[in-house]
Protein backbone atom coordinates (compact mmCIF):
# COMPACT_ATOMS: atom_id res chain seq x y z
CA UNK A 1 5.10 -22.23 -26.21
CA UNK A 2 8.55 -21.45 -24.62
CA UNK A 3 9.99 -18.18 -25.09
CA UNK A 4 13.15 -19.57 -26.56
CA UNK A 5 11.12 -21.87 -28.67
CA UNK A 6 9.22 -18.95 -29.91
CA UNK A 7 12.45 -16.80 -30.65
CA UNK A 8 13.76 -19.67 -32.70
CA UNK A 9 10.54 -20.13 -34.87
CA UNK A 10 10.74 -16.35 -35.37
CA UNK A 11 14.08 -16.32 -36.51
CA UNK A 12 14.16 -19.20 -38.70
CA UNK A 13 10.89 -18.20 -40.56
CA UNK A 14 12.29 -14.79 -40.86
CA UNK A 15 15.67 -16.05 -42.29
CA UNK A 16 13.46 -18.71 -44.60
CA UNK A 17 11.19 -15.75 -45.72
CA UNK A 18 14.70 -13.54 -46.65
CA UNK A 19 16.04 -16.39 -48.58
CA UNK A 20 13.00 -16.95 -50.65
CA UNK A 21 12.93 -13.06 -51.34
CA UNK A 22 16.61 -13.39 -52.47
CA UNK A 23 16.09 -16.33 -54.50
CA UNK A 24 13.09 -14.95 -56.32
CA UNK A 25 15.04 -11.73 -57.06
CA UNK A 26 17.91 -13.62 -58.42
CA UNK A 27 15.61 -15.59 -60.76
CA UNK A 28 13.69 -12.30 -61.95
CA UNK A 29 17.00 -10.78 -62.52
CA UNK A 30 18.12 -13.85 -64.63
CA UNK A 31 14.88 -13.77 -66.54
CA UNK A 32 15.53 -10.18 -67.63
CA UNK A 33 18.90 -10.67 -68.58
CA UNK A 34 18.23 -13.71 -70.58
CA UNK A 35 15.40 -11.60 -72.50
CA UNK A 36 18.11 -8.82 -73.26
CA UNK A 37 20.79 -11.16 -74.30
CA UNK A 38 18.31 -13.37 -76.58
CA UNK A 39 16.53 -10.21 -78.03
CA UNK A 40 17.25 -9.25 -81.51
CA UNK A 41 19.38 -6.51 -82.13
CA UNK A 42 17.76 -3.23 -83.35
CA UNK A 43 19.09 -1.96 -86.70
CA UNK A 44 21.07 1.06 -86.97
CA UNK A 45 18.08 3.32 -87.99
CA UNK A 46 15.86 2.35 -85.02
CA UNK A 47 18.64 2.82 -82.68
CA UNK A 48 19.08 6.24 -83.87
CA UNK A 49 15.65 7.02 -83.77
CA UNK A 50 15.47 5.96 -79.98
CA UNK A 51 18.65 8.08 -79.44
CA UNK A 52 17.10 10.95 -80.98
CA UNK A 53 13.66 10.63 -79.02
CA UNK A 54 15.69 10.39 -75.83
CA UNK A 55 17.75 13.19 -76.42
CA UNK A 56 14.48 15.33 -77.33
CA UNK A 57 12.85 14.40 -74.02
CA UNK A 58 15.98 15.24 -72.06
CA UNK A 59 15.98 18.71 -73.70
CA UNK A 60 12.40 19.28 -73.13
CA UNK A 61 12.89 18.37 -69.31
CA UNK A 62 15.91 21.20 -69.56
CA UNK A 63 18.67 18.25 -68.60
CA UNK A 64 20.57 19.26 -71.55
CA UNK A 65 20.66 21.99 -74.25
CA UNK A 66 19.58 21.59 -77.89
CA UNK A 67 23.19 21.80 -78.88
CA UNK A 68 24.44 19.47 -76.45
CA UNK A 69 21.72 16.94 -77.75
CA UNK A 70 22.94 17.56 -81.46
CA UNK A 71 26.48 17.25 -80.56
CA UNK A 72 25.81 13.93 -78.80
CA UNK A 73 23.46 12.62 -81.35
CA UNK A 74 26.37 13.07 -83.96
CA UNK A 75 28.93 11.33 -81.67
CA UNK A 76 26.70 8.35 -81.43
CA UNK A 77 25.61 8.10 -84.91
CA UNK A 78 29.23 7.77 -85.84
CA UNK A 79 29.64 4.97 -83.53
CA UNK A 80 26.21 3.25 -84.13
CA UNK A 81 26.62 3.81 -87.86
CA UNK A 82 30.27 2.46 -87.75
CA UNK A 83 29.14 -0.81 -86.36
CA UNK A 84 26.66 -1.34 -88.86
């Protein structure tokens, strides 16, 4: 194979592989977005349970203090229960 032909094949193969990877990523992102949009909304108590668990984990990892967790949970509870 001639040198220019080999370069063309290499370039077009690389570009095609990149386009396929980009398309696959877009399809995967669309599938995730659709599953989030179409999933049922959790009720307020289960949302608060999740918030509480996440905040406790953050306290255990020393990312926030217990006081900060309590304050933030109270703020979110007001918002979440206000929506319900």
